């Protein structure tokens, strides 16, 4: 901790944090300053007003930036390279077709939701929505089901893993900041989102009847009418959607995602049971997230990319890496803010302040993440900031790190509206122009996802 802050009052520390966060929000929402720069400026303001010296602030920023990317940067990069091959090879579409066949006729919402849930593990949610929307529109025309219900189910599955399950950047950063094993974070994220997924799919089916839109053959226009049960029919032969599509096999399509997850799970279980070393000598190596994702990336490059030239595969991977540069900068900047909060002693002051409030500690990460999501629109920035402010409170308030992480992620789902890029991507793809309809779709499903996830976390904190 910086020696200059020994005599600084808790009030001054908290004032520094409050002003820093306000500046971050104003710069991000009202100016041309990018969120990355806004986070660095907010870190400086927080530290200096909080009593740190200029040298102490700059050291805390650079150390926090480097330490955060040290734990997350390689994994993010590998996940993106693997994801772009899944996208370009058609593996994501094959996953969707396989899910529809597995789930069965008349359950297309559940099938698309599950597809989005799996695809979003290596593929960014907005990209996954763009890739799979033509499938949702085809299903709508063939079954007579509303494209809104189908598309929202897809978007919900994509969003849940984007916010809860590594190696997507947000939850990966939360795990790193709160010092949580990646395997445990994956398992906890899946368990937390199971009830959320179920409730969300029920809502999507209901909304499909309330907002009944069917796309035309080109998918560019939508016909809105009142829902009638006789409009809906099952696809007797799902193979109609495979016409003229040269897609990879089901096993090969799932392998780049499933194999790394299995390796990470095995490593986590071995560690939990204390069997490292002699019992399963290679579990620790192959189950390390970096090694597991290298294996997944190699499967995608040599399996899914077997019909591509070497240069095509490399170009696709480089394309993906370019798209993640800014995400890595934002992730590192969030870590910088966290280190300033920690080094300035602001985390301890914040913990003492919270102890004097009637709010249950487990809800605090949720509130912080939800407020940041409402203010900035970005789930990744919301998760990074909330985890940063929560980290010093975990031990002080007696919280379970994994439950604190799930509470943070639940807040990151909250309130998708005008400043959320995913909100506009969905509305544009699915022809929603009326604000009331937009609210019933993307905004309402974010409320449901956030609320049900928080309820699951609170119940877990009571019984576990």
Protein backbone atom coordinates (compact mmCIF):
# COMPACT_ATOMS: atom_id res chain seq x y z
CA UNK A 1 0.00 0.00 0.00
CA UNK A 2 1.25 3.52 -0.82
CA UNK A 3 2.93 5.06 2.26
CA UNK A 4 1.32 8.45 1.63
CA UNK A 5 -2.22 7.20 2.35
CA UNK A 6 -1.72 6.07 5.94
CA UNK A 7 -3.51 9.09 7.39
CA UNK A 8 -6.19 9.45 4.71
CA UNK A 9 -9.76 9.12 6.01
CA UNK A 10 -12.18 6.49 4.77
CA UNK A 11 -14.48 9.29 3.63
CA UNK A 12 -11.79 10.70 1.34
CA UNK A 13 -11.05 7.25 -0.07
CA UNK A 14 -14.69 6.56 -0.85
CA UNK A 15 -15.06 10.06 -2.31
CA UNK A 16 -12.15 9.30 -4.65
CA UNK A 17 -13.83 6.09 -5.77
CA UNK A 18 -17.19 7.81 -6.28
CA UNK A 19 -15.70 10.62 -8.33
CA UNK A 20 -13.64 8.15 -10.36
CA UNK A 21 -16.71 6.06 -11.23
CA UNK A 22 -18.77 9.16 -12.09
CA UNK A 23 -15.99 10.40 -14.39
CA UNK A 24 -15.82 6.95 -16.01
CA UNK A 25 -19.55 6.97 -16.72
CA UNK A 26 -19.64 10.55 -18.01
CA UNK A 27 -16.61 10.08 -20.28
CA UNK A 28 -17.98 6.82 -21.68
CA UNK A 29 -21.52 8.09 -22.28
CA UNK A 30 -21.15 11.76 -23.17
CA UNK A 31 -17.75 12.26 -24.81
CA UNK A 32 -15.58 10.89 -27.62
CA UNK A 33 -13.24 9.31 -25.08
CA UNK A 34 -13.05 5.51 -25.47
CA UNK A 35 -13.92 3.32 -22.48
CA UNK A 36 -10.31 2.11 -22.24
CA UNK A 37 -8.98 5.65 -21.79
CA UNK A 38 -11.90 6.49 -19.48
CA UNK A 39 -10.97 3.56 -17.22
CA UNK A 40 -7.35 4.70 -16.99
CA UNK A 41 -8.41 8.29 -16.21
CA UNK A 42 -10.87 7.01 -13.59
CA UNK A 43 -8.07 4.94 -12.02
CA UNK A 44 -5.84 8.03 -11.77
CA UNK A 45 -8.58 10.17 -10.21
CA UNK A 46 -9.56 7.42 -7.76
CA UNK A 47 -6.00 6.91 -6.57
CA UNK A 48 -4.95 10.57 -6.32
CA UNK A 49 -8.11 11.74 -4.52
CA UNK A 50 -7.89 8.58 -2.41
CA UNK A 51 -4.52 9.74 -1.07
CA UNK A 52 -1.95 7.98 -3.23
CA UNK A 53 1.14 9.68 -4.64
CA UNK A 54 1.40 10.19 -8.39
CA UNK A 55 4.18 7.58 -8.64
CA UNK A 56 2.14 5.18 -6.52
CA UNK A 57 -0.91 5.59 -8.76
CA UNK A 58 1.02 5.03 -11.97
CA UNK A 59 2.77 1.96 -10.55
CA UNK A 60 -0.55 0.52 -9.38
CA UNK A 61 -2.09 1.13 -12.83
CA UNK A 62 0.72 -0.55 -14.78
CA UNK A 63 1.00 -3.46 -12.32
CA UNK A 64 -2.76 -4.02 -12.32
CA UNK A 65 -2.94 -3.87 -16.11
CA UNK A 66 -0.11 -6.36 -16.57
CA UNK A 67 -1.24 -8.79 -13.87
CA UNK A 68 -4.79 -8.95 -15.26
CA UNK A 69 -3.73 -9.68 -18.83
CA UNK A 70 -1.15 -12.17 -17.56
CA UNK A 71 -3.98 -14.38 -16.32
CA UNK A 72 -6.52 -13.76 -19.09
CA UNK A 73 -4.85 -12.48 -22.28
CA UNK A 74 -3.61 -15.82 -23.68
CA UNK A 75 -6.92 -17.56 -22.97
CA UNK A 76 -8.95 -14.80 -24.63
CA UNK A 77 -6.70 -14.91 -27.70
CA UNK A 78 -6.94 -18.70 -28.05
CA UNK A 79 -10.70 -18.67 -27.54
CA UNK A 80 -11.16 -16.11 -30.29
CA UNK A 81 -8.95 -17.96 -32.77
CA UNK A 82 -10.91 -21.15 -32.14
CA UNK A 83 -14.23 -19.30 -32.39
CA UNK A 84 -13.53 -17.68 -35.74
CA UNK A 85 -12.83 -21.10 -37.31
CA UNK A 86 -16.10 -22.40 -35.86
CA UNK A 87 -17.82 -19.45 -37.50
CA UNK A 88 -16.14 -19.62 -40.91
CA UNK A 89 -16.31 -23.40 -41.30
CA UNK A 90 -20.06 -23.68 -40.69
CA UNK A 91 -19.56 -25.66 -37.46
CA UNK A 92 -21.87 -23.26 -35.58
CA UNK A 93 -24.68 -24.02 -38.04
CA UNK A 94 -24.05 -27.76 -37.74
CA UNK A 95 -24.38 -27.44 -33.96
CA UNK A 96 -27.74 -25.73 -34.42
CA UNK A 97 -29.07 -28.41 -36.78
CA UNK A 98 -27.89 -31.14 -34.42
CA UNK A 99 -29.59 -29.49 -31.47
CA UNK A 100 -32.88 -29.19 -33.36
CA UNK A 101 -32.79 -32.88 -34.27
CA UNK A 102 -31.88 -33.86 -30.71
CA UNK A 103 -34.45 -31.70 -28.90
CA UNK A 104 -37.26 -32.72 -31.22
CA UNK A 105 -40.14 -31.29 -33.22
CA UNK A 106 -42.02 -28.31 -31.85
CA UNK A 107 -39.20 -27.31 -29.46
CA UNK A 108 -37.24 -25.06 -31.76
CA UNK A 109 -36.89 -22.31 -29.11
CA UNK A 110 -35.13 -24.74 -26.76
CA UNK A 111 -32.92 -26.02 -29.58
CA UNK A 112 -31.83 -22.52 -30.64
CA UNK A 113 -31.30 -21.50 -27.01
CA UNK A 114 -29.04 -24.51 -26.41
CA UNK A 115 -27.18 -23.81 -29.64
CA UNK A 116 -26.53 -20.22 -28.60
CA UNK A 117 -25.47 -21.42 -25.15
CA UNK A 118 -22.75 -23.65 -26.62
CA UNK A 119 -21.68 -21.46 -29.53
CA UNK A 120 -21.12 -18.41 -27.31
CA UNK A 121 -18.43 -20.17 -25.27
CA UNK A 122 -15.79 -19.45 -27.95
CA UNK A 123 -17.74 -17.03 -30.21
CA UNK A 124 -18.76 -13.51 -29.12
CA UNK A 125 -22.50 -13.28 -28.57
CA UNK A 126 -23.18 -10.53 -31.15
CA UNK A 127 -21.22 -12.47 -33.79
CA UNK A 128 -23.05 -15.68 -32.92
CA UNK A 129 -26.39 -13.92 -33.30
CA UNK A 130 -25.46 -12.65 -36.77
CA UNK A 131 -24.18 -16.09 -37.85
CA UNK A 132 -27.25 -18.04 -36.68
CA UNK A 133 -30.04 -15.56 -37.41
CA UNK A 134 -30.57 -16.91 -40.97
CA UNK A 135 -31.29 -20.29 -39.36
CA UNK A 136 -33.84 -18.74 -36.99
CA UNK A 137 -35.54 -17.03 -39.93
CA UNK A 138 -35.62 -20.28 -41.93
CA UNK A 139 -37.16 -22.10 -38.98
CA UNK A 140 -39.76 -19.36 -38.63
CA UNK A 141 -40.87 -19.68 -42.26
CA UNK A 142 -40.91 -23.49 -42.16
CA UNK A 143 -42.69 -23.94 -38.82
CA UNK A 144 -44.91 -20.85 -38.74
CA UNK A 145 -43.43 -19.89 -35.36
CA UNK A 146 -42.71 -16.22 -34.69
CA UNK A 147 -39.16 -15.22 -35.58
CA UNK A 148 -39.13 -13.05 -32.43
CA UNK A 149 -39.56 -15.98 -30.06
CA UNK A 150 -37.00 -18.05 -31.97
CA UNK A 151 -34.48 -15.23 -32.29
CA UNK A 152 -34.81 -14.17 -28.68
CA UNK A 153 -34.25 -17.76 -27.52
CA UNK A 154 -31.06 -17.82 -29.59
CA UNK A 155 -29.93 -14.43 -28.25
CA UNK A 156 -30.64 -15.50 -24.66
CA UNK A 157 -28.53 -18.65 -24.92
CA UNK A 158 -25.71 -16.60 -26.43
CA UNK A 159 -25.94 -13.94 -23.71
CA UNK A 160 -25.96 -16.34 -20.76
CA UNK A 161 -22.67 -18.03 -21.58
CA UNK A 162 -21.20 -14.70 -22.73
CA UNK A 163 -21.72 -13.37 -19.19
CA UNK A 164 -21.35 -16.49 -17.02
CA UNK A 165 -19.02 -19.06 -18.63
CA UNK A 166 -15.29 -18.71 -19.45
CA UNK A 167 -13.37 -18.43 -21.71
CA UNK A 168 -15.48 -15.44 -22.81
CA UNK A 169 -13.65 -12.32 -21.57
CA UNK A 170 -16.13 -11.09 -18.94
CA UNK A 171 -16.45 -14.17 -16.71
CA UNK A 172 -12.81 -15.07 -17.38
CA UNK A 173 -11.75 -11.69 -16.00
CA UNK A 174 -14.06 -12.11 -12.99
CA UNK A 175 -12.44 -15.48 -12.25
CA UNK A 176 -8.97 -13.97 -12.53
CA UNK A 177 -9.72 -10.97 -10.30
CA UNK A 178 -11.44 -13.08 -7.63
CA UNK A 179 -8.78 -15.83 -7.89
CA UNK A 180 -11.21 -18.60 -8.85
CA UNK A 181 -10.23 -21.81 -10.64
CA UNK A 182 -11.44 -21.66 -14.26
CA UNK A 183 -13.00 -25.11 -14.07
CA UNK A 184 -14.96 -24.17 -10.97
CA UNK A 185 -16.08 -20.95 -12.65
CA UNK A 186 -17.35 -22.90 -15.67
CA UNK A 187 -19.26 -25.38 -13.49
CA UNK A 188 -20.75 -22.64 -11.29
CA UNK A 189 -21.73 -20.59 -14.34
CA UNK A 190 -23.53 -23.53 -15.93
CA UNK A 191 -25.34 -24.47 -12.71
CA UNK A 192 -26.42 -20.88 -12.07
CA UNK A 193 -27.80 -20.42 -15.58
CA UNK A 194 -29.81 -23.66 -15.76
CA UNK A 195 -32.90 -22.20 -13.98
CA UNK A 196 -32.40 -18.91 -15.82
CA UNK A 197 -32.32 -20.71 -19.16
CA UNK A 198 -35.51 -22.65 -18.41
CA UNK A 199 -37.50 -19.58 -17.34
CA UNK A 200 -36.15 -17.59 -20.30
CA UNK A 201 -37.21 -20.23 -22.84
CA UNK A 202 -40.73 -20.29 -21.40
CA UNK A 203 -40.86 -16.50 -21.78
CA UNK A 204 -39.56 -16.69 -25.37
CA UNK A 205 -42.33 -19.14 -26.34
CA UNK A 206 -44.93 -16.81 -24.75
CA UNK A 207 -43.50 -13.71 -26.45
CA UNK A 208 -43.54 -15.49 -29.80
CA UNK A 209 -47.33 -15.54 -29.53
CA UNK A 210 -47.54 -11.93 -28.37
CA UNK A 211 -45.19 -10.58 -31.08
CA UNK A 212 -46.03 -12.78 -34.05
CA UNK A 213 -43.74 -11.92 -36.98
CA UNK A 214 -42.81 -14.14 -39.93
CA UNK A 215 -39.96 -13.16 -42.31
CA UNK A 216 -40.29 -13.24 -46.10
CA UNK A 217 -38.17 -15.53 -48.29
CA UNK A 218 -35.23 -13.13 -48.28
CA UNK A 219 -35.51 -12.47 -44.54
CA UNK A 220 -35.55 -8.70 -45.07
CA UNK A 221 -39.25 -8.01 -44.43
CA UNK A 222 -41.51 -9.25 -41.64
CA UNK A 223 -45.25 -9.90 -41.70
CA UNK A 224 -46.98 -9.11 -38.42
CA UNK A 225 -50.36 -10.62 -37.61
CA UNK A 226 -52.32 -12.08 -34.69
CA UNK A 227 -51.12 -15.47 -33.53
CA UNK A 228 -53.25 -18.52 -34.26
CA UNK A 229 -52.37 -22.05 -33.20
CA UNK A 230 -53.08 -23.47 -36.66
CA UNK A 231 -50.29 -21.35 -38.12
CA UNK A 232 -47.71 -23.50 -36.37
CA UNK A 233 -46.53 -26.76 -37.87
CA UNK A 234 -43.64 -29.10 -37.16
CA UNK A 235 -40.78 -29.75 -39.54
CA UNK A 236 -41.24 -33.37 -40.55
CA UNK A 237 -37.81 -33.58 -42.09
CA UNK A 238 -35.18 -31.28 -40.64
CA UNK A 239 -32.89 -32.14 -43.56
CA UNK A 240 -34.67 -29.45 -45.60
CA UNK A 241 -32.44 -26.96 -43.84
CA UNK A 242 -29.29 -28.78 -44.98
CA UNK A 243 -29.90 -28.22 -48.67
CA UNK A 244 -26.83 -26.96 -50.52
CA UNK A 245 -24.83 -26.69 -47.28
CA UNK A 246 -21.47 -28.44 -47.09
CA UNK A 247 -21.08 -28.49 -43.31
CA UNK A 248 -18.59 -30.40 -41.12
CA UNK A 249 -19.72 -33.46 -39.16
CA UNK A 250 -21.51 -33.11 -35.83
CA UNK A 251 -18.68 -34.68 -33.80
CA UNK A 252 -16.04 -32.48 -35.41
CA UNK A 253 -18.18 -29.34 -34.99
CA UNK A 254 -18.59 -29.88 -31.25
CA UNK A 255 -15.07 -31.17 -30.56
CA UNK A 256 -13.18 -27.83 -30.37
CA UNK A 257 -15.57 -26.67 -27.64
CA UNK A 258 -16.28 -29.91 -25.80
CA UNK A 259 -12.73 -31.35 -25.61
CA UNK A 260 -11.20 -28.32 -23.81
CA UNK A 261 -14.15 -28.19 -21.39
CA UNK A 262 -13.74 -31.88 -20.54
CA UNK A 263 -9.99 -31.44 -19.95
CA UNK A 264 -10.57 -28.42 -17.70
CA UNK A 265 -13.30 -30.26 -15.77
CA UNK A 266 -11.04 -33.28 -15.20
CA UNK A 267 -8.26 -31.04 -13.92
CA UNK A 268 -10.63 -29.27 -11.53
CA UNK A 269 -12.02 -32.56 -10.19
CA UNK A 270 -8.52 -34.00 -9.76
CA UNK A 271 -7.47 -30.88 -7.86
CA UNK A 272 -10.60 -30.95 -5.71
CA UNK A 273 -9.97 -34.59 -4.76
CA UNK A 274 -6.28 -33.96 -4.11
CA UNK A 275 -5.15 -36.50 -6.73
CA UNK A 276 -2.55 -34.36 -8.52
CA UNK A 277 0.71 -35.99 -9.47
CA UNK A 278 0.92 -39.75 -9.30
CA UNK A 279 -2.77 -40.62 -9.61
CA UNK A 280 -3.43 -38.77 -12.88
CA UNK A 281 -0.03 -37.38 -13.92
CA UNK A 282 -1.11 -35.46 -17.01
CA UNK A 283 -4.43 -34.03 -15.80
CA UNK A 284 -2.84 -30.87 -14.44
CA UNK A 285 -0.96 -30.19 -17.68
CA UNK A 286 -3.62 -30.98 -20.27
CA UNK A 287 -6.38 -29.56 -18.07
CA UNK A 288 -4.72 -26.17 -17.70
CA UNK A 289 -6.97 -23.66 -19.51
CA UNK A 290 -4.16 -22.50 -21.80
CA UNK A 291 -3.18 -26.04 -22.85
CA UNK A 292 -6.81 -27.14 -23.17
CA UNK A 293 -7.64 -24.21 -25.43
CA UNK A 294 -4.52 -24.78 -27.53
CA UNK A 295 -5.81 -28.32 -28.10
CA UNK A 296 -9.27 -26.97 -29.03
CA UNK A 297 -7.72 -24.44 -31.40
CA UNK A 298 -5.62 -27.14 -33.07
CA UNK A 299 -8.72 -29.32 -33.50
CA UNK A 300 -10.52 -26.42 -35.16
CA UNK A 301 -7.53 -25.55 -37.40
CA UNK A 302 -6.76 -29.07 -38.60
CA UNK A 303 -10.24 -30.59 -38.32
CA UNK A 304 -12.71 -27.86 -39.24
CA UNK A 305 -10.11 -26.15 -41.41
CA UNK A 306 -9.07 -29.26 -43.32
CA UNK A 307 -10.67 -27.94 -46.51
CA UNK A 308 -9.13 -24.50 -46.09
CA UNK A 309 -5.65 -23.50 -47.17
CA UNK A 310 -3.00 -22.75 -44.59
CA UNK A 311 -3.20 -19.05 -45.44
CA UNK A 312 -6.99 -18.97 -45.10
CA UNK A 313 -6.83 -20.46 -41.61
CA UNK A 314 -4.09 -18.04 -40.54
CA UNK A 315 -5.97 -15.06 -42.01
CA UNK A 316 -9.16 -16.03 -40.17
CA UNK A 317 -7.27 -16.36 -36.88
CA UNK A 318 -5.59 -12.99 -37.35
CA UNK A 319 -8.98 -11.47 -38.14
CA UNK A 320 -10.31 -12.74 -34.83
CA UNK A 321 -7.31 -11.48 -32.86
CA UNK A 322 -7.66 -7.99 -34.34
CA UNK A 323 -11.25 -7.87 -33.11
CA UNK A 324 -10.20 -8.68 -29.53
CA UNK A 325 -7.46 -6.08 -29.18
CA UNK A 326 -9.75 -3.49 -27.63
CA UNK A 327 -11.38 -6.06 -25.35
CA UNK A 328 -7.96 -6.95 -23.97
CA UNK A 329 -7.18 -3.28 -23.40
CA UNK A 330 -10.47 -2.77 -21.55
CA UNK A 331 -9.89 -5.93 -19.49
CA UNK A 332 -6.40 -4.75 -18.53
CA UNK A 333 -7.67 -1.25 -17.71
CA UNK A 334 -10.30 -2.76 -15.43
CA UNK A 335 -7.53 -4.63 -13.65
CA UNK A 336 -5.64 -1.34 -13.32
CA UNK A 337 -8.61 0.27 -11.58
CA UNK A 338 -8.87 -2.75 -9.29
CA UNK A 339 -5.23 -2.53 -8.28
CA UNK A 340 -5.57 1.18 -7.51
CA UNK A 341 -8.60 0.44 -5.31
CA UNK A 342 -6.63 -2.28 -3.55
CA UNK A 343 -3.36 -0.34 -3.13
CA UNK A 344 -5.13 2.80 -1.91
CA UNK A 345 -6.97 0.87 0.79
CA UNK A 346 -10.29 1.89 -0.72
CA UNK A 347 -11.49 -1.71 -0.74
CA UNK A 348 -11.20 -1.93 3.04
CA UNK A 349 -13.01 1.38 3.44
CA UNK A 350 -15.77 0.24 1.11
CA UNK A 351 -16.10 -3.00 3.07
CA UNK A 352 -16.53 -1.14 6.34
CA UNK A 353 -19.13 1.13 4.77
CA UNK A 354 -21.12 -1.85 3.48
CA UNK A 355 -20.98 -3.56 6.87
CA UNK A 356 -22.94 -0.62 8.24
CA UNK A 357 -25.76 -1.05 5.70
CA UNK A 358 -28.67 -3.52 5.87
CA UNK A 359 -27.95 -4.86 2.36
CA UNK A 360 -26.92 -8.56 2.35
CA UNK A 361 -23.26 -8.74 1.24
CA UNK A 362 -23.96 -11.26 -1.56
CA UNK A 363 -26.17 -8.70 -3.33
CA UNK A 364 -23.46 -5.99 -3.38
CA UNK A 365 -21.58 -7.38 -6.44
CA UNK A 366 -24.91 -7.68 -8.27
CA UNK A 367 -25.83 -4.06 -7.57
CA UNK A 368 -22.43 -2.75 -8.70
CA UNK A 369 -22.47 -4.80 -11.92
CA UNK A 370 -26.09 -3.91 -12.70
CA UNK A 371 -25.47 -0.19 -12.22
CA UNK A 372 -22.39 -0.31 -14.45
CA UNK A 373 -24.31 -2.27 -17.11
CA UNK A 374 -27.14 0.27 -17.03
CA UNK A 375 -24.68 3.16 -17.25
CA UNK A 376 -22.25 1.83 -19.86
CA UNK A 377 -24.11 -0.89 -21.75
CA UNK A 378 -21.13 -3.24 -21.92
CA UNK A 379 -21.44 -6.47 -19.94
CA UNK A 380 -17.67 -7.03 -20.09
CA UNK A 381 -16.89 -3.60 -18.60
CA UNK A 382 -19.64 -4.05 -15.98
CA UNK A 383 -18.26 -7.43 -14.90
CA UNK A 384 -14.67 -6.19 -14.79
CA UNK A 385 -15.54 -3.13 -12.71
CA UNK A 386 -17.82 -5.00 -10.32
CA UNK A 387 -15.29 -7.79 -9.74
CA UNK A 388 -12.61 -5.17 -9.17
CA UNK A 389 -14.63 -3.46 -6.43
CA UNK A 390 -15.83 -6.76 -4.98
CA UNK A 391 -12.44 -8.46 -4.66
CA UNK A 392 -11.33 -6.64 -1.47
CA UNK A 393 -14.74 -7.30 0.12
CA UNK A 394 -14.77 -11.08 -0.27
CA UNK A 395 -12.71 -11.97 2.78
CA UNK A 396 -13.73 -8.94 4.79
CA UNK A 397 -17.45 -9.67 4.43
CA UNK A 398 -17.09 -13.44 4.62
CA UNK A 399 -18.41 -14.06 1.09
CA UNK A 400 -17.72 -17.15 -0.95
CA UNK A 401 -15.57 -16.04 -3.93
CA UNK A 402 -17.51 -18.26 -6.34
CA UNK A 403 -20.90 -16.94 -5.16
CA UNK A 404 -19.57 -13.39 -5.32
CA UNK A 405 -18.54 -14.11 -8.92
CA UNK A 406 -22.00 -15.47 -9.79
CA UNK A 407 -23.65 -12.44 -8.19
CA UNK A 408 -21.40 -10.21 -10.30
CA UNK A 409 -22.31 -12.09 -13.48
CA UNK A 410 -26.03 -11.90 -12.64
CA UNK A 411 -25.73 -8.12 -12.46
CA UNK A 412 -23.92 -8.09 -15.81
CA UNK A 413 -27.01 -9.53 -17.52
CA UNK A 414 -29.22 -6.69 -16.32
CA UNK A 415 -31.04 -4.08 -18.38
CA UNK A 416 -30.22 -4.29 -22.06
CA UNK A 417 -31.40 -1.06 -23.68
CA UNK A 418 -30.31 1.89 -25.85
CA UNK A 419 -26.59 1.93 -24.96
CA UNK A 420 -26.13 -1.82 -25.46
CA UNK A 421 -24.82 -2.83 -28.89
CA UNK A 422 -26.53 -6.23 -28.60
CA UNK A 423 -29.87 -4.47 -28.18
CA UNK A 424 -29.56 -2.76 -31.55
CA UNK A 425 -28.09 -5.82 -33.29
CA UNK A 426 -31.12 -7.89 -32.24
CA UNK A 427 -33.69 -5.24 -33.14
CA UNK A 428 -32.10 -4.67 -36.55
CA UNK A 429 -31.85 -8.36 -37.42
CA UNK A 430 -35.41 -9.16 -36.36
CA UNK A 431 -37.24 -6.08 -37.60
CA UNK A 432 -38.34 -4.62 -34.24
CA UNK A 433 -38.92 -0.88 -34.70
CA UNK A 434 -41.52 -0.09 -32.02
CA UNK A 435 -39.92 0.83 -28.66
CA UNK A 436 -42.62 -1.09 -26.78
CA UNK A 437 -41.85 -4.25 -28.77
CA UNK A 438 -38.12 -3.73 -28.23
CA UNK A 439 -38.73 -3.50 -24.48
CA UNK A 440 -40.77 -6.73 -24.40
CA UNK A 441 -37.98 -8.56 -26.25
CA UNK A 442 -34.35 -7.75 -25.41
CA UNK A 443 -34.91 -5.54 -22.34
CA UNK A 444 -37.43 -7.79 -20.60
CA UNK A 445 -35.40 -10.96 -21.18
CA UNK A 446 -32.41 -9.25 -19.55
CA UNK A 447 -34.56 -8.46 -16.48
CA UNK A 448 -35.66 -12.10 -16.31
CA UNK A 449 -32.15 -13.44 -16.74
CA UNK A 450 -30.71 -11.11 -14.13
CA UNK A 451 -33.48 -11.69 -11.59
CA UNK A 452 -33.60 -15.49 -11.82
CA UNK A 453 -29.80 -15.75 -11.70
CA UNK A 454 -29.65 -13.54 -8.61
CA UNK A 455 -32.35 -15.64 -6.95
CA UNK A 456 -30.31 -18.78 -7.62
CA UNK A 457 -27.22 -17.13 -6.08
CA UNK A 458 -29.11 -15.96 -2.99
CA UNK A 459 -30.64 -19.40 -2.45
CA UNK A 460 -27.21 -20.98 -2.85
CA UNK A 461 -25.74 -18.58 -0.28
CA UNK A 462 -28.49 -19.49 2.20
CA UNK A 463 -28.30 -23.27 1.85
CA UNK A 464 -24.59 -23.71 1.05
